[in-house]
Amino acid sequence: MNVIREQQATVIEMTVTTLNVNNVKEFKSDVEPYLESETHIILDLAKLTFVDSSGLGSFLFCLKRLNQKGGELKLCNVSKPVRILFEMVRLHQIIEIFNSREEALASFDD
């Protein structure tokens, strides 16, 4: 996981290609400090090609933690297979998804 602080938000780049039951606990513990300290987070999923149900749950976990304190979670650079899954389970209706990091960052200016 790479973390880049921008003016509008903290960008967390996923460095794994899969988010599943085998590594979701590690992802949640890595992202936890940012959920505590930040209110605007973008997850850059460019490298992610597979997500299982526990991975989907981890995104909802992040969203819930940020929403509890008035924060926002946005996703960007979602690969086609992952995007199809998000649309199948309607996650794209709950979490905003952007084609690029720049679009996601600009959305915080609104």
Protein backbone atom coordinates (compact mmCIF):
# COMPACT_ATOMS: atom_id res chain seq x y z
CA MET A 1 0.00 0.00 0.00
CA ASN A 2 1.38 3.39 -1.01
CA VAL A 3 -0.04 6.52 0.61
CA ILE A 4 0.08 9.93 -1.05
CA ARG A 5 -1.24 13.02 0.66
CA GLU A 6 -2.89 15.45 -1.73
CA GLN A 7 -4.54 18.75 -0.81
CA GLN A 8 -8.09 17.44 -1.17
CA ALA A 9 -7.63 13.86 0.04
CA THR A 10 -5.33 11.04 1.06
CA VAL A 11 -4.76 8.62 -1.82
CA ILE A 12 -4.09 5.01 -0.93
CA GLU A 13 -2.70 2.99 -3.81
CA MET A 14 -3.38 -0.72 -3.54
CA THR A 15 -0.20 -2.63 -4.32
CA VAL A 16 -1.80 -6.09 -4.35
CA THR A 17 -3.56 -7.65 -7.33
CA THR A 18 -6.12 -9.53 -5.25
CA LEU A 19 -8.11 -8.60 -2.17
CA ASN A 20 -9.56 -11.74 -0.66
CA VAL A 21 -9.96 -13.73 2.53
CA ASN A 22 -6.19 -14.36 2.61
CA ASN A 23 -5.12 -10.70 2.82
CA VAL A 24 -8.18 -8.67 3.79
CA LYS A 25 -7.24 -8.61 7.49
CA GLU A 26 -3.84 -7.14 6.61
CA PHE A 27 -5.48 -4.54 4.33
CA LYS A 28 -7.88 -3.46 7.07
CA SER A 29 -5.11 -3.13 9.66
CA ASP A 30 -2.95 -1.15 7.19
CA VAL A 31 -5.76 1.25 6.28
CA GLU A 32 -7.11 1.66 9.85
CA PRO A 33 -4.79 4.53 10.89
CA TYR A 34 -5.90 6.55 7.85
CA LEU A 35 -9.56 5.89 8.59
CA GLU A 36 -8.92 7.33 12.05
CA SER A 37 -6.93 10.40 11.02
CA GLU A 38 -8.36 11.37 7.61
CA THR A 39 -11.82 12.34 6.38
CA HIS A 40 -11.31 12.20 2.59
CA ILE A 41 -9.78 9.00 1.22
CA ILE A 42 -9.37 7.76 -2.33
CA LEU A 43 -8.51 4.13 -2.92
CA ASP A 44 -6.60 3.77 -6.19
CA LEU A 45 -7.36 0.24 -7.37
CA ALA A 46 -5.29 0.27 -10.59
CA LYS A 47 -3.37 -2.91 -9.67
CA LEU A 48 -6.35 -4.78 -8.25
CA THR A 49 -7.74 -7.45 -10.61
CA PHE A 50 -9.72 -9.68 -8.24
CA VAL A 51 -11.90 -9.06 -5.19
CA ASP A 52 -13.91 -11.66 -3.28
CA SER A 53 -16.79 -11.06 -0.85
CA SER A 54 -14.46 -10.38 2.09
CA GLY A 55 -12.66 -7.78 -0.06
CA LEU A 56 -15.99 -6.14 -0.88
CA GLY A 57 -16.77 -6.12 2.82
CA SER A 58 -13.50 -4.33 3.54
CA PHE A 59 -14.51 -1.47 1.23
CA LEU A 60 -17.83 -1.19 3.07
CA PHE A 61 -15.91 -1.23 6.37
CA CYS A 62 -13.83 1.75 5.16
CA LEU A 63 -16.91 3.59 3.95
CA LYS A 64 -18.75 3.08 7.22
CA ARG A 65 -15.82 4.26 9.32
CA LEU A 66 -15.45 7.43 7.26
CA ASN A 67 -19.19 8.13 7.08
CA GLN A 68 -19.45 7.89 10.88
CA LYS A 69 -17.33 11.02 11.14
CA GLY A 70 -18.68 12.85 8.10
CA GLY A 71 -15.89 11.69 5.78
CA GLU A 72 -15.97 10.32 2.27
CA LEU A 73 -14.49 7.33 0.45
CA LYS A 74 -14.01 7.31 -3.31
CA LEU A 75 -12.49 4.73 -5.63
CA CYS A 76 -10.55 5.28 -8.85
CA ASN A 77 -8.77 3.36 -11.60
CA VAL A 78 -10.96 0.30 -11.12
CA SER A 79 -10.08 -2.52 -13.54
CA LYS A 80 -12.81 -3.91 -15.77
CA PRO A 81 -13.23 -7.26 -13.91
CA VAL A 82 -13.47 -5.51 -10.54
CA ARG A 83 -15.84 -2.87 -11.92
CA ILE A 84 -18.14 -5.59 -13.29
CA LEU A 85 -18.26 -7.17 -9.84
CA PHE A 86 -18.99 -3.80 -8.20
CA GLU A 87 -21.86 -3.26 -10.63
CA MET A 88 -23.23 -6.79 -10.08
CA VAL A 89 -23.45 -6.23 -6.33
CA ARG A 90 -24.46 -2.57 -6.78
CA LEU A 91 -21.44 -1.27 -4.84
CA HIS A 92 -21.07 1.50 -7.42
CA GLN A 93 -24.36 2.92 -6.10
CA ILE A 94 -22.92 3.19 -2.57
CA ILE A 95 -19.31 4.25 -3.23
CA GLU A 96 -18.41 6.80 -5.90
CA ILE A 97 -16.12 5.39 -8.59
CA PHE A 98 -14.00 7.56 -10.87
CA ASN A 99 -12.02 6.69 -13.99
CA SER A 100 -8.91 8.57 -12.82
CA ARG A 101 -7.30 9.83 -9.65
CA GLU A 102 -7.56 13.38 -10.97
CA GLU A 103 -11.35 13.07 -11.37
CA ALA A 104 -11.68 11.65 -7.86
CA LEU A 105 -9.56 14.45 -6.37
CA ALA A 106 -11.53 17.11 -8.25
CA SER A 107 -14.80 15.70 -6.87
CA PHE A 108 -13.78 16.80 -3.37
CA ASP A 109 -13.76 20.45 -4.50
CA ASP A 110 -17.54 20.43 -4.92
